[in-house]
């Protein structure tokens, strides 16, 4: 007898369809995540989302407003993904930490252009070529 395989993200309430007594497997961890035409490692995606969550929390604590934040968050996400495509997780962490530190010290959100410029300089210091997105800053 075959074990049923259900994708948790497709229909969130598959528990009603599961056969009692049989294990239910999910396939979401085995499918590469595709964002904006690129395949992204699941661990990397979670790391970037974790950084964005921390940035959102710092934004709420320091600035006490979310006006304009969704646009800034999308820009930060694109920048972090671009850095990840060009380099490694350590540099992604450094760029995310620069964003967080900027918000804490200056009590304002940095422009995405400034973050892309800093990321491009960081990559250049490591001898890594930046992609087109980072070079447009």
Foldseek 3Di string as FASTA:
>chain_A
DDADEDACVVPVPCVVVHDPPGDYHHCVQVDFDADPNDTDHPVLVVVLVVLLVVLVVLLCVLQVDCVVVVVQSVLLSVLLVQLVVFDHPVLSVVLSVVQSVCCVPVVDGDHSLVSLQVSCVVCVVVVIHGDPVSVVD
